[in-house]
C-alpha cells in the first residue's frame, strides 16, 4: 500500500504529452528534455512507487505509449523518440518483473480527439513544406471538424 492510496493490484501509466512541430535537426534541449520527462520519467517514477506493492500482489502494469513509437512522423522526432523509449521500458520491465509475477504490457493509441490535438492540427495545417503537408491530410482525418477550416488542397 502507498500512503493515502490504499491497496491496489494494477498501475495504469497514462501520463504523457507532446510538442508537435519539432524537427529532428533542431529541437531545443528544453523541448527534447521535456518530452522525455513527461513521457518517460513520469512513467518510471510511478513504476518505482508502485513496484513493491505490485510484486506482493502479483499485479499488472499497463503503460500507454503511442502509435508514434513505431513509425516516424515529420515534426514529431522528440515525441516519437520518447514514446519509443516507453516501448523499450515496457519490454525490459516485462522481463525484469516476470519472476515476481507482475504482468507488464503497453497499449499504443493513435490520436485522441482533444482540444490540444485540435490546436496542434490547426497549427500544422498552416505550415508549408512537403513533409508537413502530409499532416494536413492526417489532421483532417483525425479531427474531422478541421475539414471545414483547412484550406490546403489536400483537405478539400
N, C-alpha and C. Protein backbone atom coordinates (compact mmCIF):
# COMPACT_ATOMS: atom_id res chain seq x y z
N UNK A 1 0.84 -1.17 0.00
CA UNK A 1 0.00 0.00 0.00
C UNK A 1 0.89 1.24 0.00
N UNK A 2 0.50 2.23 -0.77
CA UNK A 2 1.17 3.52 -0.76
C UNK A 2 0.32 4.45 0.09
N UNK A 3 0.98 5.16 1.00
CA UNK A 3 0.26 6.04 1.92
C UNK A 3 -0.75 6.92 1.19
N UNK A 4 -1.97 6.90 1.67
CA UNK A 4 -3.02 7.73 1.10
C UNK A 4 -3.72 7.16 -0.11
N UNK A 5 -3.24 6.05 -0.63
CA UNK A 5 -3.86 5.46 -1.82
C UNK A 5 -4.69 4.24 -1.48
N UNK A 6 -4.20 3.41 -0.61
CA UNK A 6 -4.89 2.17 -0.28
C UNK A 6 -4.37 1.03 -1.13
N UNK A 7 -4.93 -0.16 -0.97
CA UNK A 7 -4.44 -1.32 -1.71
C UNK A 7 -4.77 -1.21 -3.21
N UNK A 8 -3.91 -1.78 -4.01
CA UNK A 8 -4.14 -1.81 -5.46
C UNK A 8 -3.36 -2.97 -6.04
N UNK A 9 -3.76 -3.42 -7.23
CA UNK A 9 -3.03 -4.51 -7.87
C UNK A 9 -2.71 -4.21 -9.34
N UNK A 10 -2.87 -2.95 -9.74
CA UNK A 10 -2.55 -2.57 -11.11
C UNK A 10 -2.12 -1.11 -11.17
N UNK A 11 -1.28 -0.83 -12.12
CA UNK A 11 -0.84 0.54 -12.40
C UNK A 11 -1.12 0.82 -13.86
N UNK A 12 -1.90 1.85 -14.13
CA UNK A 12 -2.14 2.32 -15.49
C UNK A 12 -1.35 3.60 -15.65
N UNK A 13 -0.29 3.53 -16.42
CA UNK A 13 0.61 4.66 -16.67
C UNK A 13 0.15 5.39 -17.91
N UNK A 14 -0.65 6.44 -17.72
CA UNK A 14 -1.21 7.14 -18.87
C UNK A 14 -0.69 8.58 -18.98
N UNK A 15 0.29 8.95 -18.17
CA UNK A 15 0.85 10.30 -18.24
C UNK A 15 1.60 10.48 -19.54
N UNK A 16 1.59 11.68 -20.04
CA UNK A 16 2.35 11.96 -21.25
C UNK A 16 1.96 13.30 -21.84
N UNK A 17 2.67 13.68 -22.86
CA UNK A 17 2.40 14.93 -23.54
C UNK A 17 3.22 15.00 -24.80
N UNK A 18 3.00 16.03 -25.58
CA UNK A 18 3.73 16.15 -26.83
C UNK A 18 3.89 17.60 -27.24
N UNK A 19 4.83 17.82 -28.12
CA UNK A 19 5.03 19.11 -28.77
C UNK A 19 5.22 18.82 -30.24
N UNK A 20 4.27 19.18 -31.03
CA UNK A 20 4.37 18.97 -32.47
C UNK A 20 5.17 20.12 -33.08
N UNK A 21 5.67 19.87 -34.26
CA UNK A 21 6.41 20.89 -34.97
C UNK A 21 7.88 20.92 -34.62
N UNK A 22 8.38 19.87 -33.96
CA UNK A 22 9.79 19.80 -33.58
C UNK A 22 10.51 18.86 -34.54
N UNK A 23 11.42 19.42 -35.34
CA UNK A 23 12.19 18.62 -36.29
C UNK A 23 13.38 17.98 -35.60
N UNK A 24 13.86 16.87 -36.12
CA UNK A 24 14.99 16.16 -35.53
C UNK A 24 16.26 17.00 -35.53
N UNK A 25 16.46 17.79 -36.54
CA UNK A 25 17.71 18.55 -36.66
C UNK A 25 17.77 19.76 -35.75
N UNK A 26 16.64 20.21 -35.22
CA UNK A 26 16.71 21.44 -34.44
C UNK A 26 15.83 21.50 -33.19
N UNK A 27 15.61 20.39 -32.50
CA UNK A 27 14.84 20.54 -31.26
C UNK A 27 15.71 21.21 -30.20
N UNK A 28 15.10 22.10 -29.47
CA UNK A 28 15.84 22.72 -28.37
C UNK A 28 16.04 21.67 -27.29
N UNK A 29 17.09 21.83 -26.51
CA UNK A 29 17.30 20.92 -25.39
C UNK A 29 16.09 20.95 -24.46
N UNK A 30 15.51 22.13 -24.30
CA UNK A 30 14.36 22.27 -23.40
C UNK A 30 13.18 21.42 -23.87
N UNK A 31 12.84 21.50 -25.15
CA UNK A 31 11.73 20.71 -25.68
C UNK A 31 12.05 19.22 -25.65
N UNK A 32 13.26 18.87 -26.07
CA UNK A 32 13.67 17.47 -26.10
C UNK A 32 13.60 16.87 -24.69
N UNK A 33 14.19 17.55 -23.72
CA UNK A 33 14.19 17.07 -22.34
C UNK A 33 12.79 17.00 -21.75
N UNK A 34 11.95 17.99 -22.08
CA UNK A 34 10.58 17.98 -21.59
C UNK A 34 9.84 16.75 -22.10
N UNK A 35 10.04 16.42 -23.38
CA UNK A 35 9.39 15.24 -23.96
C UNK A 35 9.74 13.98 -23.17
N UNK A 36 10.99 13.81 -22.80
CA UNK A 36 11.41 12.62 -22.06
C UNK A 36 10.94 12.67 -20.61
N UNK A 37 10.94 13.87 -20.02
CA UNK A 37 10.44 13.97 -18.64
C UNK A 37 8.97 13.60 -18.56
N UNK A 38 8.17 14.17 -19.44
CA UNK A 38 6.72 13.96 -19.36
C UNK A 38 6.29 12.57 -19.84
N UNK A 39 7.01 11.99 -20.79
CA UNK A 39 6.60 10.71 -21.37
C UNK A 39 7.31 9.50 -20.80
N UNK A 40 8.52 9.65 -20.29
CA UNK A 40 9.29 8.50 -19.82
C UNK A 40 9.52 8.56 -18.31
N UNK A 41 10.04 9.69 -17.84
CA UNK A 41 10.36 9.78 -16.42
C UNK A 41 9.13 9.70 -15.52
N UNK A 42 7.99 10.26 -15.97
CA UNK A 42 6.78 10.16 -15.15
C UNK A 42 6.34 8.71 -15.01
N UNK A 43 6.45 7.94 -16.10
CA UNK A 43 6.09 6.52 -16.02
C UNK A 43 7.04 5.78 -15.09
N UNK A 44 8.32 6.05 -15.23
CA UNK A 44 9.31 5.39 -14.38
C UNK A 44 9.09 5.72 -12.91
N UNK A 45 8.79 6.97 -12.60
CA UNK A 45 8.55 7.36 -11.21
C UNK A 45 7.34 6.62 -10.63
N UNK A 46 6.30 6.48 -11.41
CA UNK A 46 5.12 5.74 -10.94
C UNK A 46 5.46 4.27 -10.75
N UNK A 47 6.27 3.71 -11.64
CA UNK A 47 6.68 2.31 -11.52
C UNK A 47 7.50 2.11 -10.25
N UNK A 48 8.44 3.02 -9.99
CA UNK A 48 9.26 2.92 -8.78
C UNK A 48 8.38 2.92 -7.54
N UNK A 49 7.38 3.78 -7.52
CA UNK A 49 6.49 3.87 -6.35
C UNK A 49 5.61 2.63 -6.20
N UNK A 50 5.13 2.10 -7.32
CA UNK A 50 4.15 1.01 -7.26
C UNK A 50 4.77 -0.39 -7.26
N UNK A 51 6.00 -0.53 -7.72
CA UNK A 51 6.60 -1.86 -7.89
C UNK A 51 6.57 -2.74 -6.64
N UNK A 52 6.92 -2.24 -5.47
CA UNK A 52 6.90 -3.13 -4.30
C UNK A 52 5.52 -3.74 -4.03
N UNK A 53 4.48 -2.92 -4.17
CA UNK A 53 3.12 -3.42 -3.94
C UNK A 53 2.72 -4.40 -5.04
N UNK A 54 3.03 -4.06 -6.28
CA UNK A 54 2.65 -4.92 -7.39
C UNK A 54 3.36 -6.27 -7.33
N UNK A 55 4.57 -6.29 -6.85
CA UNK A 55 5.28 -7.56 -6.67
C UNK A 55 4.61 -8.41 -5.60
N UNK A 56 4.16 -7.79 -4.53
CA UNK A 56 3.45 -8.53 -3.47
C UNK A 56 2.12 -9.06 -3.98
N UNK A 57 1.43 -8.26 -4.76
CA UNK A 57 0.09 -8.61 -5.24
C UNK A 57 0.12 -9.45 -6.52
N UNK A 58 1.30 -9.61 -7.12
CA UNK A 58 1.41 -10.25 -8.43
C UNK A 58 0.48 -9.53 -9.41
N UNK A 59 0.66 -8.20 -9.45
CA UNK A 59 -0.24 -7.33 -10.20
C UNK A 59 0.15 -7.11 -11.64
N UNK A 60 -0.27 -5.97 -12.16
CA UNK A 60 -0.06 -5.66 -13.57
C UNK A 60 0.28 -4.19 -13.76
N UNK A 61 1.04 -3.93 -14.81
CA UNK A 61 1.37 -2.56 -15.22
C UNK A 61 0.99 -2.44 -16.69
N UNK A 62 0.26 -1.39 -17.01
CA UNK A 62 -0.07 -1.08 -18.40
C UNK A 62 0.44 0.32 -18.68
N UNK A 63 1.42 0.42 -19.56
CA UNK A 63 1.95 1.71 -19.98
C UNK A 63 1.25 2.13 -21.26
N UNK A 64 0.85 3.39 -21.31
CA UNK A 64 0.23 3.91 -22.52
C UNK A 64 1.31 4.58 -23.34
N UNK A 65 1.60 3.99 -24.49
CA UNK A 65 2.58 4.54 -25.42
C UNK A 65 1.85 5.35 -26.46
N UNK A 66 2.26 5.18 -27.69
CA UNK A 66 1.60 5.86 -28.81
C UNK A 66 2.01 5.18 -30.10
N UNK A 67 1.14 5.25 -31.06
CA UNK A 67 1.46 4.70 -32.37
C UNK A 67 2.71 5.35 -32.95
N UNK A 68 2.97 6.59 -32.52
CA UNK A 68 4.17 7.29 -32.95
C UNK A 68 5.46 6.63 -32.51
N UNK A 69 5.38 5.63 -31.63
CA UNK A 69 6.57 4.90 -31.17
C UNK A 69 7.08 3.94 -32.24
N UNK A 70 6.24 3.58 -33.18
CA UNK A 70 6.64 2.55 -34.15
C UNK A 70 6.73 3.07 -35.58
N UNK A 71 6.42 4.35 -35.79
CA UNK A 71 6.55 4.91 -37.13
C UNK A 71 6.94 6.37 -37.01
N UNK A 72 7.90 6.77 -37.83
CA UNK A 72 8.35 8.15 -37.80
C UNK A 72 7.36 9.08 -38.46
N UNK A 73 7.27 10.28 -37.94
CA UNK A 73 6.40 11.31 -38.50
C UNK A 73 7.18 12.61 -38.56
N UNK A 74 6.99 13.37 -39.61
CA UNK A 74 7.61 14.68 -39.71
C UNK A 74 7.15 15.55 -38.55
N UNK A 75 8.04 16.33 -38.03
CA UNK A 75 7.76 17.30 -36.97
C UNK A 75 7.39 16.64 -35.64
N UNK A 76 7.75 15.36 -35.46
CA UNK A 76 7.41 14.63 -34.24
C UNK A 76 8.59 13.85 -33.69
N UNK A 77 9.82 14.27 -33.98
CA UNK A 77 11.01 13.50 -33.61
C UNK A 77 11.13 13.28 -32.11
N UNK A 78 11.06 14.34 -31.34
CA UNK A 78 11.24 14.21 -29.89
C UNK A 78 10.13 13.33 -29.29
N UNK A 79 8.90 13.55 -29.73
CA UNK A 79 7.78 12.75 -29.23
C UNK A 79 7.93 11.28 -29.60
N UNK A 80 8.27 11.01 -30.86
CA UNK A 80 8.44 9.63 -31.31
C UNK A 80 9.55 8.92 -30.56
N UNK A 81 10.66 9.61 -30.34
CA UNK A 81 11.77 9.01 -29.58
C UNK A 81 11.36 8.73 -28.14
N UNK A 82 10.65 9.66 -27.52
CA UNK A 82 10.21 9.45 -26.14
C UNK A 82 9.24 8.28 -26.05
N UNK A 83 8.28 8.20 -26.97
CA UNK A 83 7.32 7.10 -26.94
C UNK A 83 7.98 5.77 -27.29
N UNK A 84 9.01 5.80 -28.13
CA UNK A 84 9.77 4.57 -28.38
C UNK A 84 10.46 4.12 -27.10
N UNK A 85 10.92 5.07 -26.32
CA UNK A 85 11.53 4.74 -25.02
C UNK A 85 10.52 4.09 -24.09
N UNK A 86 9.27 4.53 -24.15
CA UNK A 86 8.22 3.89 -23.34
C UNK A 86 8.08 2.43 -23.75
N UNK A 87 8.16 2.16 -25.04
CA UNK A 87 8.06 0.78 -25.51
C UNK A 87 9.23 -0.06 -25.01
N UNK A 88 10.45 0.48 -25.12
CA UNK A 88 11.63 -0.26 -24.64
C UNK A 88 11.55 -0.46 -23.13
N UNK A 89 11.11 0.55 -22.39
CA UNK A 89 10.93 0.43 -20.96
C UNK A 89 9.93 -0.68 -20.64
N UNK A 90 8.85 -0.72 -21.36
CA UNK A 90 7.83 -1.75 -21.15
C UNK A 90 8.39 -3.14 -21.40
N UNK A 91 9.11 -3.31 -22.50
CA UNK A 91 9.68 -4.62 -22.83
C UNK A 91 10.69 -5.07 -21.78
N UNK A 92 11.56 -4.17 -21.38
CA UNK A 92 12.57 -4.51 -20.37
C UNK A 92 11.93 -4.79 -19.02
N UNK A 93 11.00 -3.94 -18.63
CA UNK A 93 10.33 -4.12 -17.34
C UNK A 93 9.55 -5.43 -17.31
N UNK A 94 8.97 -5.82 -18.43
CA UNK A 94 8.25 -7.08 -18.50
C UNK A 94 9.17 -8.24 -18.15
N UNK A 95 10.38 -8.21 -18.69
CA UNK A 95 11.36 -9.26 -18.39
C UNK A 95 11.82 -9.19 -16.94
N UNK A 96 12.03 -7.97 -16.45
CA UNK A 96 12.52 -7.79 -15.09
C UNK A 96 11.49 -8.20 -14.03
N UNK A 97 10.22 -7.99 -14.31
CA UNK A 97 9.16 -8.25 -13.33
C UNK A 97 8.52 -9.63 -13.48
N UNK A 98 8.89 -10.34 -14.53
CA UNK A 98 8.28 -11.64 -14.82
C UNK A 98 8.40 -12.60 -13.64
N UNK A 99 9.58 -12.70 -13.05
CA UNK A 99 9.80 -13.64 -11.95
C UNK A 99 8.93 -13.31 -10.73
N UNK A 100 8.57 -12.06 -10.56
CA UNK A 100 7.72 -11.65 -9.44
C UNK A 100 6.24 -11.83 -9.76
N UNK A 101 5.94 -12.27 -10.98
CA UNK A 101 4.54 -12.49 -11.36
C UNK A 101 3.80 -11.24 -11.75
N UNK A 102 4.53 -10.16 -12.06
CA UNK A 102 3.90 -8.92 -12.49
C UNK A 102 3.83 -8.91 -14.02
N UNK A 103 2.65 -8.72 -14.55
CA UNK A 103 2.41 -8.67 -15.98
C UNK A 103 2.57 -7.22 -16.44
N UNK A 104 3.44 -6.97 -17.41
CA UNK A 104 3.70 -5.62 -17.91
C UNK A 104 3.43 -5.58 -19.41
N UNK A 105 2.57 -4.68 -19.81
CA UNK A 105 2.21 -4.51 -21.21
C UNK A 105 2.06 -3.03 -21.55
N UNK A 106 1.88 -2.76 -22.83
CA UNK A 106 1.63 -1.40 -23.29
C UNK A 106 0.53 -1.42 -24.32
N UNK A 107 -0.15 -0.32 -24.42
CA UNK A 107 -1.12 -0.08 -25.49
C UNK A 107 -0.61 1.11 -26.28
N UNK A 108 -0.93 1.13 -27.57
CA UNK A 108 -0.43 2.18 -28.46
C UNK A 108 -1.59 2.87 -29.17
N UNK A 109 -2.23 3.81 -28.50
CA UNK A 109 -3.31 4.51 -29.19
C UNK A 109 -2.76 5.45 -30.26
N UNK A 110 -3.62 5.83 -31.15
CA UNK A 110 -3.28 6.83 -32.15
C UNK A 110 -3.71 8.18 -31.59
N UNK A 111 -4.10 9.08 -32.42
CA UNK A 111 -4.53 10.40 -31.98
C UNK A 111 -5.87 10.30 -31.26
N UNK A 112 -5.97 10.98 -30.14
CA UNK A 112 -7.21 11.05 -29.38
C UNK A 112 -7.74 12.47 -29.52
N UNK A 113 -8.99 12.60 -29.90
CA UNK A 113 -9.58 13.90 -30.18
C UNK A 113 -9.72 14.71 -28.89
N UNK A 114 -8.82 15.66 -28.70
CA UNK A 114 -8.85 16.55 -27.54
C UNK A 114 -8.66 17.97 -28.04
N UNK A 115 -8.95 18.97 -27.21
CA UNK A 115 -8.69 20.36 -27.63
C UNK A 115 -7.21 20.59 -27.97
N UNK A 116 -6.30 19.93 -27.27
CA UNK A 116 -4.88 20.08 -27.56
C UNK A 116 -4.56 19.59 -28.97
N UNK A 117 -5.13 18.46 -29.36
CA UNK A 117 -4.92 17.93 -30.71
C UNK A 117 -5.50 18.88 -31.75
N UNK A 118 -6.67 19.42 -31.48
CA UNK A 118 -7.29 20.35 -32.43
C UNK A 118 -6.39 21.56 -32.65
N UNK A 119 -5.84 22.13 -31.57
CA UNK A 119 -4.94 23.27 -31.71
C UNK A 119 -3.68 22.89 -32.47
N UNK A 120 -3.11 21.73 -32.15
CA UNK A 120 -1.89 21.29 -32.82
C UNK A 120 -2.15 21.08 -34.31
N UNK A 121 -3.26 20.47 -34.64
CA UNK A 121 -3.58 20.23 -36.05
C UNK A 121 -3.81 21.53 -36.80
N UNK A 122 -4.45 22.49 -36.17
CA UNK A 122 -4.63 23.79 -36.82
C UNK A 122 -3.30 24.45 -37.09
N UNK A 123 -2.37 24.32 -36.14
CA UNK A 123 -1.03 24.88 -36.34
C UNK A 123 -0.34 24.17 -37.49
N UNK A 124 -0.38 22.87 -37.51
CA UNK A 124 0.30 22.11 -38.55
C UNK A 124 -0.32 22.31 -39.92
N UNK A 125 -1.62 22.52 -39.99
CA UNK A 125 -2.24 22.71 -41.31
C UNK A 125 -1.80 24.04 -41.92
N UNK A 126 -1.30 24.96 -41.09
CA UNK A 126 -0.86 26.24 -41.63
C UNK A 126 0.60 26.20 -42.07
N UNK A 127 1.33 25.15 -41.75
CA UNK A 127 2.73 25.03 -42.13
C UNK A 127 2.86 24.59 -43.57
N UNK A 128 3.91 25.00 -44.21
CA UNK A 128 4.14 24.56 -45.59
C UNK A 128 5.39 23.70 -45.64
N UNK A 129 5.61 23.07 -46.76
CA UNK A 129 6.76 22.17 -46.90
C UNK A 129 6.25 20.75 -47.06
N UNK A 130 6.91 19.97 -47.89
CA UNK A 130 6.38 18.66 -48.23
C UNK A 130 6.21 17.71 -47.05
N UNK A 131 7.16 17.59 -46.09
CA UNK A 131 6.91 16.63 -45.01
C UNK A 131 5.69 17.01 -44.19
N UNK A 132 5.54 18.30 -43.94
CA UNK A 132 4.43 18.74 -43.10
C UNK A 132 3.10 18.74 -43.84
N UNK A 133 3.13 18.81 -45.16
CA UNK A 133 1.86 18.82 -45.88
C UNK A 133 1.08 17.54 -45.65
N UNK A 134 1.78 16.45 -45.35
CA UNK A 134 1.09 15.20 -45.02
C UNK A 134 0.26 15.35 -43.76
N UNK A 135 0.69 16.22 -42.85
CA UNK A 135 -0.07 16.44 -41.61
C UNK A 135 -1.43 17.04 -41.89
N UNK A 136 -1.52 17.85 -42.96
CA UNK A 136 -2.82 18.46 -43.27
C UNK A 136 -3.87 17.37 -43.49
N UNK A 137 -3.51 16.40 -44.30
CA UNK A 137 -4.43 15.31 -44.59
C UNK A 137 -4.71 14.50 -43.33
N UNK A 138 -3.67 14.18 -42.58
CA UNK A 138 -3.83 13.37 -41.37
C UNK A 138 -4.67 14.09 -40.33
N UNK A 139 -4.40 15.37 -40.13
CA UNK A 139 -5.15 16.12 -39.12
C UNK A 139 -6.62 16.23 -39.51
N UNK A 140 -6.88 16.43 -40.77
CA UNK A 140 -8.28 16.49 -41.21
C UNK A 140 -8.97 15.15 -40.97
N UNK A 141 -8.23 14.06 -41.16
CA UNK A 141 -8.81 12.73 -40.91
C UNK A 141 -9.02 12.52 -39.41
N UNK A 142 -8.01 12.86 -38.60
CA UNK A 142 -8.11 12.62 -37.16
C UNK A 142 -9.08 13.55 -36.48
N UNK A 143 -9.20 14.74 -36.99
CA UNK A 143 -10.06 15.73 -36.36
C UNK A 143 -10.99 16.28 -37.44
N UNK A 144 -12.11 15.60 -37.70
CA UNK A 144 -12.98 15.93 -38.84
C UNK A 144 -13.44 17.37 -38.90
N UNK A 145 -13.56 18.06 -37.75
CA UNK A 145 -14.01 19.45 -37.82
C UNK A 145 -12.99 20.33 -38.52
N UNK A 146 -11.77 19.83 -38.68
CA UNK A 146 -10.76 20.61 -39.41
C UNK A 146 -11.05 20.64 -40.90
N UNK A 147 -11.85 19.72 -41.40
CA UNK A 147 -12.19 19.72 -42.83
C UNK A 147 -12.70 21.10 -43.24
N UNK A 148 -13.53 21.70 -42.40
CA UNK A 148 -14.12 22.98 -42.73
C UNK A 148 -13.11 24.13 -42.61
N UNK A 149 -12.10 23.99 -41.74
CA UNK A 149 -11.14 25.07 -41.51
C UNK A 149 -9.89 24.97 -42.37
N UNK A 150 -9.59 23.79 -42.86
CA UNK A 150 -8.35 23.58 -43.61
C UNK A 150 -8.53 24.05 -45.05
N UNK A 151 -7.67 24.96 -45.49
CA UNK A 151 -7.76 25.48 -46.84
C UNK A 151 -6.78 24.82 -47.80
N UNK A 152 -5.96 23.91 -47.30
CA UNK A 152 -4.99 23.22 -48.15
C UNK A 152 -5.73 22.34 -49.16
N UNK A 153 -5.20 22.24 -50.38
CA UNK A 153 -5.87 21.42 -51.40
C UNK A 153 -6.12 19.97 -50.95
N UNK A 154 -5.19 19.42 -50.16
CA UNK A 154 -5.37 18.01 -49.76
C UNK A 154 -6.51 17.83 -48.76
N UNK A 155 -6.98 18.91 -48.16
CA UNK A 155 -8.09 18.82 -47.21
C UNK A 155 -9.43 18.92 -47.91
N UNK A 156 -9.42 19.36 -49.14
CA UNK A 156 -10.68 19.60 -49.84
C UNK A 156 -11.26 18.32 -50.42
